C-alpha atoms as a PDB file:
ATOM      1  CA  MET A   1     -11.402  -2.268  33.764  1.00  0.00           C
ATOM      2  CA  ARG A   2     -11.739  -5.867  34.875  1.00  0.00           C
ATOM      3  CA  GLU A   3     -15.121  -5.175  35.875  1.00  0.00           C
ATOM      4  CA  ILE A   4     -16.222  -3.788  32.588  1.00  0.00           C
ATOM      5  CA  GLN A   5     -14.743  -6.719  30.973  1.00  0.00           C
ATOM      6  CA  ARG A   6     -16.737  -9.016  33.155  1.00  0.00           C
ATOM      7  CA  GLN A   7     -19.993  -6.753  32.387  1.00  0.00           C
ATOM      8  CA  VAL A   8     -19.440  -7.203  28.695  1.00  0.00           C
ATOM      9  CA  ASP A   9     -18.795 -10.848  28.830  1.00  0.00           C
ATOM     10  CA  GLN A  10     -22.127 -11.316  30.873  1.00  0.00           C
ATOM     11  CA  MET A  11     -24.045  -9.248  28.324  1.00  0.00           C
ATOM     12  CA  ILE A  12     -22.592 -11.190  25.619  1.00  0.00           C
ATOM     13  CA  ILE A  13     -23.311 -14.521  27.183  1.00  0.00           C
ATOM     14  CA  HIS A  14     -27.117 -13.250  27.751  1.00  0.00           C
ATOM     15  CA  LEU A  15     -27.206 -12.192  23.946  1.00  0.00           C
ATOM     16  CA  GLY A  16     -26.261 -15.520  22.853  1.00  0.00           C
ATOM     17  CA  GLY A  17     -22.608 -15.751  22.653  1.00  0.00           C
ATOM     18  CA  TYR A  18     -19.373 -14.008  21.046  1.00  0.00           C
ATOM     19  CA  TRP A  19     -19.124 -13.627  17.274  1.00  0.00           C
ATOM     20  CA  ARG A  20     -16.516 -15.569  15.629  1.00  0.00           C
ATOM     21  CA  PRO A  21     -13.547 -13.179  15.777  1.00  0.00           C
ATOM     22  CA  LEU A  22     -13.372 -12.157  12.013  1.00  0.00           C
ATOM     23  CA  SER A  23     -16.893 -11.350  12.455  1.00  0.00           C
ATOM     24  CA  GLY A  24     -16.136  -9.397  15.482  1.00  0.00           C
ATOM     25  CA  LEU A  25     -13.336  -7.514  13.666  1.00  0.00           C
ATOM     26  CA  ALA A  26     -15.651  -6.811  10.860  1.00  0.00           C
ATOM     27  CA  ARG A  27     -17.965  -5.155  13.369  1.00  0.00           C
ATOM     28  CA  LEU A  28     -15.063  -3.125  14.842  1.00  0.00           C
ATOM     29  CA  LEU A  29     -13.999  -1.930  11.534  1.00  0.00           C
ATOM     30  CA  GLU A  30     -17.586  -0.851  10.711  1.00  0.00           C
ATOM     31  CA  GLU A  31     -17.952   0.993  14.050  1.00  0.00           C
ATOM     32  CA  VAL A  32     -14.506   2.835  13.512  1.00  0.00           C
ATOM     33  CA  GLY A  33     -15.943   3.917   9.996  1.00  0.00           C
ATOM     34  CA  GLU A  34     -19.329   5.084  11.592  1.00  0.00           C
ATOM     35  CA  VAL A  35     -17.018   7.178  14.162  1.00  0.00           C
ATOM     36  CA  GLY A  36     -15.440   8.874  11.094  1.00  0.00           C
ATOM     37  CA  ALA A  37     -18.836   9.371   9.599  1.00  0.00           C
ATOM     38  CA  ALA A  38     -19.909  11.220  12.733  1.00  0.00           C
ATOM     39  CA  LEU A  39     -16.941  13.200  12.804  1.00  0.00           C
ATOM     40  CA  HIS A  40     -17.390  14.237   9.295  1.00  0.00           C
ATOM     41  CA  ASP A  41     -21.219  15.239   9.684  1.00  0.00           C
ATOM     42  CA  HIS A  42     -20.325  16.990  13.021  1.00  0.00           C
ATOM     43  CA  ASP A  43     -22.963  14.834  14.548  1.00  0.00           C
ATOM     44  CA  GLU A  44     -21.947  14.538  18.234  1.00  0.00           C
ATOM     45  CA  THR A  45     -24.859  12.386  19.414  1.00  0.00           C
ATOM     46  CA  ALA A  46     -23.761   9.842  16.953  1.00  0.00           C
ATOM     47  CA  LEU A  47     -20.018  10.193  17.750  1.00  0.00           C
ATOM     48  CA  VAL A  48     -20.787   9.177  21.457  1.00  0.00           C
ATOM     49  CA  GLU A  49     -22.937   6.114  20.319  1.00  0.00           C
ATOM     50  CA  GLU A  50     -20.043   4.957  18.073  1.00  0.00           C
ATOM     51  CA  LEU A  51     -17.369   5.738  20.367  1.00  0.00           C
ATOM     52  CA  LEU A  52     -18.847   3.486  22.950  1.00  0.00           C
ATOM     53  CA  ASP A  53     -19.547   0.669  20.499  1.00  0.00           C
ATOM     54  CA  VAL A  54     -16.059   0.597  19.414  1.00  0.00           C
ATOM     55  CA  PHE A  55     -14.886   0.420  23.015  1.00  0.00           C
ATOM     56  CA  VAL A  56     -17.371  -2.456  23.715  1.00  0.00           C
ATOM     57  CA  ILE A  57     -16.539  -4.500  20.449  1.00  0.00           C
ATOM     58  CA  SER A  58     -12.865  -4.049  21.133  1.00  0.00           C
ATOM     59  CA  THR A  59     -13.353  -5.336  24.719  1.00  0.00           C
ATOM     60  CA  CYS A  60     -15.148  -8.379  23.450  1.00  0.00           C
ATOM     61  CA  LEU A  61     -12.270  -9.249  21.216  1.00  0.00           C
ATOM     62  CA  ALA A  62     -10.080  -8.869  24.151  1.00  0.00           C
ATOM     63  CA  ASN A  63     -12.353 -11.204  25.979  1.00  0.00           C
ATOM     64  CA  GLN A  64     -12.176 -13.915  23.278  1.00  0.00           C
ATOM     65  CA  TYR A  65      -8.464 -14.257  23.822  1.00  0.00           C
ATOM     66  CA  ALA A  66      -8.585 -13.958  27.454  1.00  0.00           C
ATOM     67  CA  ILE A  67      -6.778 -10.880  27.537  1.00  0.00           C
ATOM     68  CA  THR A  68      -6.779  -8.468  30.869  1.00  0.00           C
ATOM     69  CA  LEU A  69      -6.879  -4.996  29.613  1.00  0.00           C
ATOM     70  CA  GLN A  70      -5.640  -2.018  31.524  1.00  0.00           C
ATOM     71  CA  PRO A  71      -7.706   1.287  31.812  1.00  0.00           C
ATOM     72  CA  GLN A  72      -6.582   3.915  29.074  1.00  0.00           C
ATOM     73  CA  THR A  73      -6.050   7.779  29.777  1.00  0.00           C
ATOM     74  CA  SER A  74      -5.650  10.463  27.336  1.00  0.00           C
ATOM     75  CA  GLU A  75      -2.308  12.216  27.282  1.00  0.00           C
ATOM     76  CA  ALA A  76      -2.778  14.476  24.356  1.00  0.00           C
ATOM     77  CA  ASN A  77      -5.655  16.896  24.995  1.00  0.00           C
ATOM     78  CA  GLU A  78      -4.623  19.367  22.612  1.00  0.00           C
ATOM     79  CA  VAL A  79      -4.510  17.127  19.765  1.00  0.00           C
ATOM     80  CA  PRO A  80      -7.239  17.888  17.363  1.00  0.00           C
ATOM     81  CA  ILE A  81      -9.852  15.258  17.583  1.00  0.00           C
ATOM     82  CA  HIS A  82      -9.243  14.238  13.820  1.00  0.00           C
ATOM     83  CA  VAL A  83      -5.816  13.306  14.357  1.00  0.00           C
ATOM     84  CA  THR A  84      -6.747  11.238  17.222  1.00  0.00           C
ATOM     85  CA  TYR A  85      -9.149   9.566  14.930  1.00  0.00           C
ATOM     86  CA  PHE A  86      -6.160   8.584  12.539  1.00  0.00           C
ATOM     87  CA  ALA A  87      -4.567   6.896  15.414  1.00  0.00           C
ATOM     88  CA  LEU A  88      -7.768   4.950  16.062  1.00  0.00           C
ATOM     89  CA  VAL A  89      -7.832   3.693  12.515  1.00  0.00           C
ATOM     90  CA  ARG A  90      -3.982   2.777  12.624  1.00  0.00           C
ATOM     91  CA  GLU A  91      -4.523   0.991  15.726  1.00  0.00           C
ATOM     92  CA  ALA A  92      -7.693  -0.839  14.356  1.00  0.00           C
ATOM     93  CA  GLY A  93      -5.788  -1.621  11.396  1.00  0.00           C
ATOM     94  CA  GLU A  94      -3.010  -3.377  13.436  1.00  0.00           C
ATOM     95  CA  VAL A  95      -5.705  -5.504  15.278  1.00  0.00           C
ATOM     96  CA  ALA A  96      -7.230  -6.537  11.908  1.00  0.00           C
ATOM     97  CA  ARG A  97      -3.566  -7.471  10.657  1.00  0.00           C
ATOM     98  CA  ILE A  98      -3.101  -9.813  13.721  1.00  0.00           C
ATOM     99  CA  LEU A  99      -6.432 -11.380  13.608  1.00  0.00           C
ATOM    100  CA  ASN A 100      -6.244 -12.103   9.911  1.00  0.00           C
ATOM    101  CA  ALA A 101      -3.071 -13.883  10.892  1.00  0.00           C
ATOM    102  CA  TYR A 102      -4.668 -15.746  13.922  1.00  0.00           C
ATOM    103  CA  GLU A 103      -7.992 -16.446  12.238  1.00  0.00           C
ATOM    104  CA  GLY A 104      -7.945 -15.714   8.419  1.00  0.00           C
ATOM    105  CA  ASP A 105      -5.771 -16.732   5.363  1.00  0.00           C
ATOM    106  CA  LYS A 106      -2.832 -14.529   6.288  1.00  0.00           C
ATOM    107  CA  LYS A 107       0.235 -16.468   7.506  1.00  0.00           C
ATOM    108  CA  LEU A 108       1.413 -16.056  11.167  1.00  0.00           C
ATOM    109  CA  LYS A 109       4.970 -14.391  10.876  1.00  0.00           C
ATOM    110  CA  ALA A 110       7.663 -16.316  12.950  1.00  0.00           C
ATOM    111  CA  SER A 111       8.460 -12.926  14.209  1.00  0.00           C
ATOM    112  CA  ALA A 112       5.006 -12.195  15.537  1.00  0.00           C
ATOM    113  CA  THR A 113       5.307 -10.482  18.884  1.00  0.00           C
ATOM    114  CA  PRO A 114       3.624 -11.772  22.161  1.00  0.00           C
ATOM    115  CA  GLY A 115       1.121  -9.292  23.669  1.00  0.00           C
ATOM    116  CA  SER A 116       0.762  -7.315  20.539  1.00  0.00           C
ATOM    117  CA  LEU A 117      -2.937  -7.909  20.359  1.00  0.00           C
ATOM    118  CA  LYS A 118      -3.278  -6.650  23.792  1.00  0.00           C
ATOM    119  CA  ARG A 119      -1.141  -3.469  23.000  1.00  0.00           C
ATOM    120  CA  HIS A 120      -3.301  -2.641  19.952  1.00  0.00           C
ATOM    121  CA  ILE A 121      -6.528  -3.290  21.279  1.00  0.00           C
ATOM    122  CA  GLU A 122      -5.596  -0.937  24.305  1.00  0.00           C
ATOM    123  CA  GLY A 123      -4.209   1.409  21.433  1.00  0.00           C
ATOM    124  CA  VAL A 124      -7.827   1.590  20.246  1.00  0.00           C
ATOM    125  CA  GLN A 125      -9.586   2.056  23.372  1.00  0.00           C
ATOM    126  CA  ARG A 126      -6.714   4.887  24.087  1.00  0.00           C
ATOM    127  CA  ALA A 127      -7.937   6.668  21.117  1.00  0.00           C
ATOM    128  CA  VAL A 128     -11.602   6.275  22.131  1.00  0.00           C
ATOM    129  CA  VAL A 129     -10.719   7.744  25.523  1.00  0.00           C
ATOM    130  CA  ALA A 130      -9.199  10.689  24.000  1.00  0.00           C
ATOM    131  CA  MET A 131     -11.744  11.437  21.336  1.00  0.00           C
ATOM    132  CA  ALA A 132     -14.298  10.929  24.155  1.00  0.00           C
ATOM    133  CA  GLU A 133     -12.782  13.592  26.503  1.00  0.00           C
ATOM    134  CA  ARG A 134     -12.815  16.040  23.657  1.00  0.00           C
ATOM    135  CA  ILE A 135     -16.535  16.183  23.648  1.00  0.00           C
ATOM    136  CA  GLY A 136     -16.929  15.632  27.672  1.00  0.00           C
ATOM    137  CA  LEU A 137     -17.783  12.046  27.484  1.00  0.00           C
ATOM    138  CA  ASP A 138     -16.613   9.894  30.343  1.00  0.00           C
ATOM    139  CA  VAL A 139     -16.406   6.501  28.526  1.00  0.00           C
ATOM    140  CA  TYR A 140     -15.791   4.133  31.735  1.00  0.00           C
ATOM    141  CA  ALA A 141     -18.853   5.682  33.427  1.00  0.00           C
ATOM    142  CA  SER A 142     -21.227   5.294  30.474  1.00  0.00           C
ATOM    143  CA  ILE A 143     -20.375   1.530  29.873  1.00  0.00           C
ATOM    144  CA  GLY A 144     -22.674   0.230  32.472  1.00  0.00           C
ATOM    145  CA  ALA A 145     -25.738   2.074  31.149  1.00  0.00           C
ATOM    146  CA  LEU A 146     -24.790   0.998  27.479  1.00  0.00           C
ATOM    147  CA  VAL A 147     -24.366  -2.661  28.439  1.00  0.00           C
ATOM    148  CA  GLU A 148     -27.817  -2.647  30.325  1.00  0.00           C
ATOM    149  CA  GLU A 149     -29.541  -1.029  27.307  1.00  0.00           C
ATOM    150  CA  LYS A 150     -27.967  -3.554  24.965  1.00  0.00           C
ATOM    151  CA  SER A 151     -28.746  -6.539  27.224  1.00  0.00           C
ATOM    152  CA  SER A 152     -32.664  -5.578  26.597  1.00  0.00           C
ATOM    153  CA  ARG A 153     -32.554  -4.081  23.359  1.00  0.00           C
ATOM    154  CA  ASP A 154     -30.585  -6.811  21.292  1.00  0.00           C
ATOM    155  CA  PHE A 155     -31.933 -10.005  23.249  1.00  0.00           C
ATOM    156  CA  GLY A 156     -32.869 -12.419  20.540  1.00  0.00           C
ATOM    157  CA  ARG A 157     -31.352 -10.433  17.833  1.00  0.00           C
ATOM    158  CA  PHE A 158     -28.201 -12.811  17.170  1.00  0.00           C
ATOM    159  CA  ASP A 159     -27.956 -16.433  16.672  1.00  0.00           C
ATOM    160  CA  HIS A 160     -25.857 -18.451  19.174  1.00  0.00           C
ATOM    161  CA  THR A 161     -22.206 -18.673  18.183  1.00  0.00           C
ATOM    162  CA  PRO A 162     -20.189 -21.091  20.158  1.00  0.00           C
ATOM    163  CA  ASP A 163     -16.652 -19.807  21.143  1.00  0.00           C
ATOM    164  CA  PRO A 164     -13.811 -21.348  23.295  1.00  0.00           C
ATOM    165  CA  ILE A 165     -14.028 -18.684  25.729  1.00  0.00           C
ATOM    166  CA  THR A 166     -17.655 -19.622  26.682  1.00  0.00           C
ATOM    167  CA  GLU A 167     -17.465 -23.485  26.875  1.00  0.00           C
ATOM    168  CA  PRO A 168     -18.726 -24.746  30.157  1.00  0.00           C
ATOM    169  CA  SER A 169     -15.401 -26.594  30.602  1.00  0.00           C
ATOM    170  CA  VAL A 170     -13.462 -23.462  30.816  1.00  0.00           C
ATOM    171  CA  ARG A 171     -15.945 -21.686  32.884  1.00  0.00           C
ATOM    172  CA  SER A 172     -15.993 -24.613  35.388  1.00  0.00           C
ATOM    173  CA  TYR A 173     -12.274 -25.095  35.013  1.00  0.00           C
ATOM    174  CA  PRO A 174     -10.957 -24.168  38.973  1.00  0.00           C
ATOM    175  CA  ARG A 175      -7.859 -22.782  37.803  1.00  0.00           C
ATOM    176  CA  GLN A 176      -9.048 -20.524  35.048  1.00  0.00           C
ATOM    177  CA  GLU A 177      -8.783 -17.233  37.226  1.00  0.00           C
ATOM    178  CA  THR A 178      -4.934 -17.866  37.504  1.00  0.00           C
ATOM    179  CA  GLY A 179      -4.388 -18.189  33.892  1.00  0.00           C
ATOM    180  CA  ARG A 180      -5.426 -17.781  30.234  1.00  0.00           C
ATOM    181  CA  TYR A 181      -7.599 -20.712  28.972  1.00  0.00           C
ATOM    182  CA  TRP A 182      -9.793 -21.667  26.235  1.00  0.00           C
ATOM    183  CA  GLY A 183     -12.288 -24.587  26.592  1.00  0.00           C
ATOM    184  CA  GLY A 184     -13.579 -27.524  24.409  1.00  0.00           C
ATOM    185  CA  ILE A 185     -16.795 -28.820  23.520  1.00  0.00           C
ATOM    186  CA  GLY A 186     -17.852 -31.766  25.659  1.00  0.00           C
ATOM    187  CA  PRO A 187     -16.705 -35.222  24.264  1.00  0.00           C
ATOM    188  CA  LYS A 188     -19.509 -37.318  22.755  1.00  0.00           C
ATOM    189  CA  PRO A 189     -20.138 -40.857  24.488  1.00  0.00           C
ATOM    190  CA  SER A 190     -17.587 -43.634  23.656  1.00  0.00           C
ATOM    191  CA  GLU A 191     -15.487 -40.963  21.372  1.00  0.00           C
ATOM    192  CA  THR A 192     -11.777 -41.427  21.556  1.00  0.00           C
ATOM    193  CA  PHE A 193      -9.409 -38.579  22.144  1.00  0.00           C
ATOM    194  CA  ASP A 194      -8.084 -38.923  18.600  1.00  0.00           C
ATOM    195  CA  ARG A 195     -11.505 -38.337  17.113  1.00  0.00           C
ATOM    196  CA  TYR A 196     -12.371 -35.344  19.382  1.00  0.00           C
ATOM    197  CA  ILE A 197      -9.035 -33.462  18.342  1.00  0.00           C
ATOM    198  CA  GLU A 198     -10.310 -33.950  14.563  1.00  0.00           C
ATOM    199  CA  ARG A 199     -13.758 -32.718  15.559  1.00  0.00           C
ATOM    200  CA  ASP A 200     -13.342 -29.728  17.804  1.00  0.00           C
ATOM    201  CA  HIS A 201     -11.406 -27.283  15.369  1.00  0.00           C
ATOM    202  CA  ASN A 202     -10.645 -25.051  18.256  1.00  0.00           C
ATOM    203  CA  VAL A 203      -7.811 -27.314  19.343  1.00  0.00           C
ATOM    204  CA  ALA A 204      -6.073 -26.421  16.120  1.00  0.00           C
ATOM    205  CA  ARG A 205      -7.095 -22.833  16.585  1.00  0.00           C
ATOM    206  CA  PHE A 206      -5.362 -23.084  20.130  1.00  0.00           C
ATOM    207  CA  CYS A 207      -2.217 -24.777  19.045  1.00  0.00           C
ATOM    208  CA  LYS A 208      -1.697 -22.007  16.261  1.00  0.00           C
ATOM    209  CA  ILE A 209      -2.404 -18.970  18.551  1.00  0.00           C
ATOM    210  CA  ALA A 210      -1.122 -20.008  22.050  1.00  0.00           C
ATOM    211  CA  PRO A 211       2.501 -19.684  21.344  1.00  0.00           C
ATOM    212  CA  VAL A 212       2.281 -16.081  20.143  1.00  0.00           C
ATOM    213  CA  GLU A 213      -0.796 -14.966  22.242  1.00  0.00           C
ATOM    214  CA  GLY A 214       0.336 -16.744  25.314  1.00  0.00           C
ATOM    215  CA  LEU A 215      -2.657 -18.961  26.298  1.00  0.00           C
ATOM    216  CA  ASP A 216      -1.741 -21.164  29.096  1.00  0.00           C
ATOM    217  CA  GLY A 217      -4.061 -24.343  28.066  1.00  0.00           C
ATOM    218  CA  PHE A 218      -6.941 -25.927  26.381  1.00  0.00           C
ATOM    219  CA  VAL A 219      -9.349 -27.299  28.766  1.00  0.00           C
ATOM    220  CA  ILE A 220     -11.697 -30.224  28.135  1.00  0.00           C
ATOM    221  CA  ARG A 221     -14.296 -31.326  30.787  1.00  0.00           C
ATOM    222  CA  LEU A 222     -14.780 -34.991  30.346  1.00  0.00           C
ATOM    223  CA  GLY A 223     -17.885 -35.383  32.418  1.00  0.00           C
ATOM    224  CA  ASP A 224     -18.425 -39.219  32.075  1.00  0.00           C
ATOM    225  CA  GLN A 225     -16.039 -39.946  29.629  1.00  0.00           C
ATOM    226  CA  ARG A 226     -12.920 -41.815  30.494  1.00  0.00           C
ATOM    227  CA  TRP A 227     -10.106 -41.337  28.203  1.00  0.00           C
ATOM    228  CA  THR A 228      -6.808 -43.428  28.218  1.00  0.00           C
ATOM    229  CA  LEU A 229      -4.023 -41.137  26.569  1.00  0.00           C
ATOM    230  CA  THR A 230      -1.344 -42.950  24.747  1.00  0.00           C
ATOM    231  CA  GLU A 231       1.805 -41.890  23.081  1.00  0.00           C
ATOM    232  CA  ARG A 232      -0.265 -41.417  19.674  1.00  0.00           C
ATOM    233  CA  SER A 233      -2.630 -39.073  21.554  1.00  0.00           C
ATOM    234  CA  VAL A 234       0.193 -36.881  22.507  1.00  0.00           C
ATOM    235  CA  GLU A 235       1.732 -36.965  18.858  1.00  0.00           C
ATOM    236  CA  LEU A 236      -1.469 -35.607  17.525  1.00  0.00           C
ATOM    237  CA  ILE A 237      -0.541 -32.291  19.095  1.00  0.00           C
ATOM    238  CA  PRO A 238       3.175 -31.687  18.506  1.00  0.00           C
ATOM    239  CA  GLY A 239       4.905 -29.036  20.656  1.00  0.00           C
ATOM    240  CA  PHE A 240       2.480 -29.263  23.529  1.00  0.00           C
ATOM    241  CA  TYR A 241       1.863 -31.756  26.174  1.00  0.00           C
ATOM    242  CA  ILE A 242      -1.447 -33.122  27.994  1.00  0.00           C
ATOM    243  CA  GLU A 243      -2.143 -33.317  31.514  1.00  0.00           C
ATOM    244  CA  GLU A 244      -5.108 -35.194  33.537  1.00  0.00           C
ATOM    245  CA  GLU A 245      -6.371 -33.140  36.393  1.00  0.00           C
ATOM    246  CA  ILE A 246      -9.012 -34.008  38.819  1.00  0.00           C
ATOM    247  CA  TYR A 247     -10.994 -31.582  41.086  1.00  0.00           C
ATOM    248  CA  GLY A 248     -13.651 -33.488  43.297  1.00  0.00           C
ATOM    249  CA  ASN A 249     -15.766 -35.415  40.821  1.00  0.00           C
ATOM    250  CA  ASP A 250     -14.702 -33.479  37.857  1.00  0.00           C
ATOM    251  CA  LYS A 251     -11.983 -34.587  35.463  1.00  0.00           C
ATOM    252  CA  TYR A 252     -10.213 -32.534  32.824  1.00  0.00           C
ATOM    253  CA  ILE A 253      -7.844 -32.789  30.082  1.00  0.00           C
ATOM    254  CA  VAL A 254      -5.537 -29.818  29.540  1.00  0.00           C
ATOM    255  CA  ILE A 255      -3.516 -29.224  26.768  1.00  0.00           C
ATOM    256  CA  ARG A 256      -0.477 -27.008  27.402  1.00  0.00           C
ATOM    257  CA  GLN A 257       2.667 -25.479  25.962  1.00  0.00           C
ATOM    258  CA  PRO A 258       6.122 -26.137  27.764  1.00  0.00           C
ATOM    259  CA  ASN A 259       7.290 -23.488  29.878  1.00  0.00           C
END
């Protein structure tokens, strides 16, 4: 599954970047509806295509929150396929509920459960795998060909959308492989840290989402910029602390949660 997440990530970067999460969610729900339409029309060719699309888009959403997914297996081969579709709709609805709290207008509950987004995305994929097995489709064996097809067919189709999981700062951060990080846009020349925090809205997103989602840090690669952090700087991000890290010629500012 880790290799599939890597392939999907490379495809998305090639195509211009991830959709904003709520746009990705809309696409996920659209594809779940199209799975239902294929079932209703008894169109197995369409069902194969839509199941694979649901799997890929749900993987995209997991990638955007630096979630490492586990491969799913079907444990209910005798369950009618339409019943499994109900499970798919239920899990997709739970993903929607969480992302509306993360990215939309719904308030994030104090009782929000860490790991719930991972659990429900895996629930979506478990339902996809179960439905696929009923029609003889091996989802994991089919993803590589689909990624290759989409990389060619959809190139230039979508506008570039920046995302904190694709920023050069996090892609170059030496410790990315051992944690779950988002990255910030590069600072402008002579820009103060205070102004940067106001400008990059993903910092505020990180501070809202990190405590429940378990993100480890928000990484800013400074380049030629040299910031002097003050008490005022720390006060801008209550509940978090800021570290300066140097790796060779690269200097990073990392915003973290207390353990």
